[in-house]
Amino acid sequence: MDELANQTCVACRGGEPPMGDSEIRRMRAEVPEWAVEERDGIKRLERIFRFGDFNQALAFTNRVGEIAEAQGHHPALLTEWGRVTVTWWTHKIKGLHRNDFIMAAKSDELYAAASKAPARERQPQGP
């Protein structure tokens, strides 16, 4: 996972085929906590991250948003009390691309870092 998380997303031009099942299985081994879900005929990577409260979940959502913006690759994010569901797929090709696995690994690293931080550091600070 570390190697994958250190990679950078490459621009997807569209017109590329989505990953096939064998390539998905191989890449998924690098991000084993993620499930492959299919909705509307589109395969997606999805994981639910758990937190102690809403503030921690929201802070994680914001950190995922920051890396998504920096990489130019954006997930679906559902933030609820104590959990965040992150779903990665490549809209242009209507399926999974290497970028999705890179971003899943980056999300895992953010979660690992958030889990190690003391509770007071995990909560956003007020004005």
C-alpha atoms as a PDB file:
ATOM      1  CA  MET A   1       0.000   0.000   0.000  1.00  0.00           C
ATOM      2  CA  ASP A   2       2.816   2.460   0.836  1.00  0.00           C
ATOM      3  CA  GLU A   3       4.201   2.266  -2.681  1.00  0.00           C
ATOM      4  CA  LEU A   4       0.766   2.816  -4.217  1.00  0.00           C
ATOM      5  CA  ALA A   5      -0.011   5.701  -1.849  1.00  0.00           C
ATOM      6  CA  ASN A   6       3.184   7.487  -2.923  1.00  0.00           C
ATOM      7  CA  GLN A   7       2.160   7.501  -6.582  1.00  0.00           C
ATOM      8  CA  THR A   8       0.466  10.388  -8.365  1.00  0.00           C
ATOM      9  CA  CYS A   9      -2.704  10.160 -10.402  1.00  0.00           C
ATOM     10  CA  VAL A  10      -2.276  10.525 -14.143  1.00  0.00           C
ATOM     11  CA  ALA A  11      -4.764  12.369 -16.303  1.00  0.00           C
ATOM     12  CA  CYS A  12      -7.408  10.025 -17.667  1.00  0.00           C
ATOM     13  CA  ARG A  13      -8.428  11.186 -21.121  1.00  0.00           C
ATOM     14  CA  GLY A  14     -11.497   9.018 -21.398  1.00  0.00           C
ATOM     15  CA  GLY A  15     -11.836   6.478 -24.157  1.00  0.00           C
ATOM     16  CA  GLU A  16      -9.595   4.140 -22.163  1.00  0.00           C
ATOM     17  CA  PRO A  17     -11.202   0.874 -21.134  1.00  0.00           C
ATOM     18  CA  PRO A  18     -11.918   0.363 -17.446  1.00  0.00           C
ATOM     19  CA  MET A  19      -9.856  -2.275 -15.644  1.00  0.00           C
ATOM     20  CA  GLY A  20     -10.799  -5.883 -16.195  1.00  0.00           C
ATOM     21  CA  ASP A  21     -11.628  -8.292 -13.380  1.00  0.00           C
ATOM     22  CA  SER A  22      -8.160  -9.875 -13.178  1.00  0.00           C
ATOM     23  CA  GLU A  23      -6.438  -6.489 -12.948  1.00  0.00           C
ATOM     24  CA  ILE A  24      -8.970  -5.334 -10.334  1.00  0.00           C
ATOM     25  CA  ARG A  25      -8.261  -8.455  -8.229  1.00  0.00           C
ATOM     26  CA  ARG A  26      -4.510  -7.845  -8.463  1.00  0.00           C
ATOM     27  CA  MET A  27      -4.781  -4.164  -7.514  1.00  0.00           C
ATOM     28  CA  ARG A  28      -7.334  -4.803  -4.775  1.00  0.00           C
ATOM     29  CA  ALA A  29      -4.763  -6.961  -2.984  1.00  0.00           C
ATOM     30  CA  GLU A  30      -2.884  -3.704  -2.347  1.00  0.00           C
ATOM     31  CA  VAL A  31      -5.931  -2.109  -0.663  1.00  0.00           C
ATOM     32  CA  PRO A  32      -7.603  -5.102   1.014  1.00  0.00           C
ATOM     33  CA  GLU A  33      -9.993  -3.082   3.207  1.00  0.00           C
ATOM     34  CA  TRP A  34     -11.784  -1.794   0.098  1.00  0.00           C
ATOM     35  CA  ALA A  35     -14.736  -3.556  -1.509  1.00  0.00           C
ATOM     36  CA  VAL A  36     -15.553  -3.544  -5.194  1.00  0.00           C
ATOM     37  CA  GLU A  37     -19.187  -2.518  -5.537  1.00  0.00           C
ATOM     38  CA  GLU A  38     -21.146  -2.315  -8.758  1.00  0.00           C
ATOM     39  CA  ARG A  39     -23.870   0.308  -9.150  1.00  0.00           C
ATOM     40  CA  ASP A  40     -25.593   1.163 -12.398  1.00  0.00           C
ATOM     41  CA  GLY A  41     -23.213  -1.196 -14.187  1.00  0.00           C
ATOM     42  CA  ILE A  42     -20.158   0.724 -12.925  1.00  0.00           C
ATOM     43  CA  LYS A  43     -17.549  -0.910 -10.681  1.00  0.00           C
ATOM     44  CA  ARG A  44     -16.372   1.279  -7.807  1.00  0.00           C
ATOM     45  CA  LEU A  45     -14.046   0.984  -4.808  1.00  0.00           C
ATOM     46  CA  GLU A  46     -15.758   1.652  -1.502  1.00  0.00           C
ATOM     47  CA  ARG A  47     -14.772   1.674   2.147  1.00  0.00           C
ATOM     48  CA  ILE A  48     -16.439   2.809   5.351  1.00  0.00           C
ATOM     49  CA  PHE A  49     -14.101   4.542   7.802  1.00  0.00           C
ATOM     50  CA  ARG A  50     -15.228   4.657  11.458  1.00  0.00           C
ATOM     51  CA  PHE A  51     -14.650   7.477  13.951  1.00  0.00           C
ATOM     52  CA  GLY A  52     -15.556   8.334  17.536  1.00  0.00           C
ATOM     53  CA  ASP A  53     -17.792  11.265  16.659  1.00  0.00           C
ATOM     54  CA  PHE A  54     -19.023  13.567  13.911  1.00  0.00           C
ATOM     55  CA  ASN A  55     -16.149  16.065  14.242  1.00  0.00           C
ATOM     56  CA  GLN A  56     -13.562  13.375  13.559  1.00  0.00           C
ATOM     57  CA  ALA A  57     -15.567  12.087  10.593  1.00  0.00           C
ATOM     58  CA  LEU A  58     -15.915  15.594   9.171  1.00  0.00           C
ATOM     59  CA  ALA A  59     -12.207  16.341   9.625  1.00  0.00           C
ATOM     60  CA  PHE A  60     -11.360  13.133   7.732  1.00  0.00           C
ATOM     61  CA  THR A  61     -13.821  14.053   4.967  1.00  0.00           C
ATOM     62  CA  ASN A  62     -12.062  17.390   4.575  1.00  0.00           C
ATOM     63  CA  ARG A  63      -8.623  15.751   4.431  1.00  0.00           C
ATOM     64  CA  VAL A  64      -9.810  13.322   1.738  1.00  0.00           C
ATOM     65  CA  GLY A  65     -11.237  16.315  -0.138  1.00  0.00           C
ATOM     66  CA  GLU A  66      -7.891  18.098   0.049  1.00  0.00           C
ATOM     67  CA  ILE A  67      -5.932  15.191  -1.426  1.00  0.00           C
ATOM     68  CA  ALA A  68      -8.634  14.659  -4.050  1.00  0.00           C
ATOM     69  CA  GLU A  69      -8.364  18.271  -5.149  1.00  0.00           C
ATOM     70  CA  ALA A  70      -4.557  18.121  -5.175  1.00  0.00           C
ATOM     71  CA  GLN A  71      -4.614  14.991  -7.352  1.00  0.00           C
ATOM     72  CA  GLY A  72      -7.482  16.150  -9.584  1.00  0.00           C
ATOM     73  CA  HIS A  73      -9.445  12.968  -8.839  1.00  0.00           C
ATOM     74  CA  HIS A  74     -12.597  13.199  -6.744  1.00  0.00           C
ATOM     75  CA  PRO A  75     -14.624  10.591  -4.820  1.00  0.00           C
ATOM     76  CA  ALA A  76     -18.173  10.368  -3.616  1.00  0.00           C
ATOM     77  CA  LEU A  77     -18.125  11.129   0.122  1.00  0.00           C
ATOM     78  CA  LEU A  78     -20.892  10.393   2.610  1.00  0.00           C
ATOM     79  CA  THR A  79     -20.226  11.831   6.059  1.00  0.00           C
ATOM     80  CA  GLU A  80     -22.364  10.639   8.973  1.00  0.00           C
ATOM     81  CA  TRP A  81     -22.004  10.578  12.741  1.00  0.00           C
ATOM     82  CA  GLY A  82     -18.947   8.403  13.399  1.00  0.00           C
ATOM     83  CA  ARG A  83     -18.349   7.247   9.853  1.00  0.00           C
ATOM     84  CA  VAL A  84     -17.375   8.296   6.349  1.00  0.00           C
ATOM     85  CA  THR A  85     -18.087   6.253   3.245  1.00  0.00           C
ATOM     86  CA  VAL A  86     -15.563   6.939   0.480  1.00  0.00           C
ATOM     87  CA  THR A  87     -16.249   5.706  -3.044  1.00  0.00           C
ATOM     88  CA  TRP A  88     -13.690   5.977  -5.847  1.00  0.00           C
ATOM     89  CA  TRP A  89     -14.250   5.367  -9.559  1.00  0.00           C
ATOM     90  CA  THR A  90     -13.311   7.123 -12.763  1.00  0.00           C
ATOM     91  CA  HIS A  91     -16.295   8.889 -14.237  1.00  0.00           C
ATOM     92  CA  LYS A  92     -14.786   9.365 -17.720  1.00  0.00           C
ATOM     93  CA  ILE A  93     -14.383   5.625 -18.293  1.00  0.00           C
ATOM     94  CA  LYS A  94     -17.352   4.509 -16.162  1.00  0.00           C
ATOM     95  CA  GLY A  95     -15.265   2.091 -14.147  1.00  0.00           C
ATOM     96  CA  LEU A  96     -12.055   1.543 -12.257  1.00  0.00           C
ATOM     97  CA  HIS A  97      -8.660   2.949 -13.222  1.00  0.00           C
ATOM     98  CA  ARG A  98      -5.276   2.740 -11.478  1.00  0.00           C
ATOM     99  CA  ASN A  99      -5.963   6.257 -10.134  1.00  0.00           C
ATOM    100  CA  ASP A 100      -8.808   4.887  -8.019  1.00  0.00           C
ATOM    101  CA  PHE A 101      -6.477   2.427  -6.298  1.00  0.00           C
ATOM    102  CA  ILE A 102      -3.868   5.137  -5.765  1.00  0.00           C
ATOM    103  CA  MET A 103      -6.490   7.325  -4.103  1.00  0.00           C
ATOM    104  CA  ALA A 104      -7.818   4.432  -2.017  1.00  0.00           C
ATOM    105  CA  ALA A 105      -4.277   3.865  -0.694  1.00  0.00           C
ATOM    106  CA  LYS A 106      -3.896   7.593   0.018  1.00  0.00           C
ATOM    107  CA  SER A 107      -7.232   7.516   1.896  1.00  0.00           C
ATOM    108  CA  ASP A 108      -5.996   4.561   3.953  1.00  0.00           C
ATOM    109  CA  GLU A 109      -2.863   6.519   4.895  1.00  0.00           C
ATOM    110  CA  LEU A 110      -4.964   9.493   6.014  1.00  0.00           C
ATOM    111  CA  TYR A 111      -7.091   7.202   8.155  1.00  0.00           C
ATOM    112  CA  ALA A 112      -4.040   5.554   9.719  1.00  0.00           C
ATOM    113  CA  ALA A 113      -2.629   8.985  10.560  1.00  0.00           C
ATOM    114  CA  ALA A 114      -5.966  10.165  12.003  1.00  0.00           C
ATOM    115  CA  SER A 115      -6.238   7.029  14.129  1.00  0.00           C
ATOM    116  CA  LYS A 116      -2.805   7.666  15.683  1.00  0.00           C
ATOM    117  CA  ALA A 117      -3.428  11.340  16.518  1.00  0.00           C
ATOM    118  CA  PRO A 118      -4.554  12.193  20.052  1.00  0.00           C
ATOM    119  CA  ALA A 119      -8.292  12.952  20.205  1.00  0.00           C
ATOM    120  CA  ARG A 120      -7.764  16.695  20.754  1.00  0.00           C
ATOM    121  CA  GLU A 121      -5.664  16.873  17.553  1.00  0.00           C
ATOM    122  CA  ARG A 122      -8.273  15.031  15.503  1.00  0.00           C
ATOM    123  CA  GLN A 123     -10.965  17.607  16.154  1.00  0.00           C
ATOM    124  CA  PRO A 124     -11.071  20.800  14.107  1.00  0.00           C
ATOM    125  CA  GLN A 125     -10.201  23.945  16.046  1.00  0.00           C
ATOM    126  CA  GLY A 126     -12.669  26.818  16.280  1.00  0.00           C
ATOM    127  CA  PRO A 127     -11.941  30.450  15.365  1.00  0.00           C
END
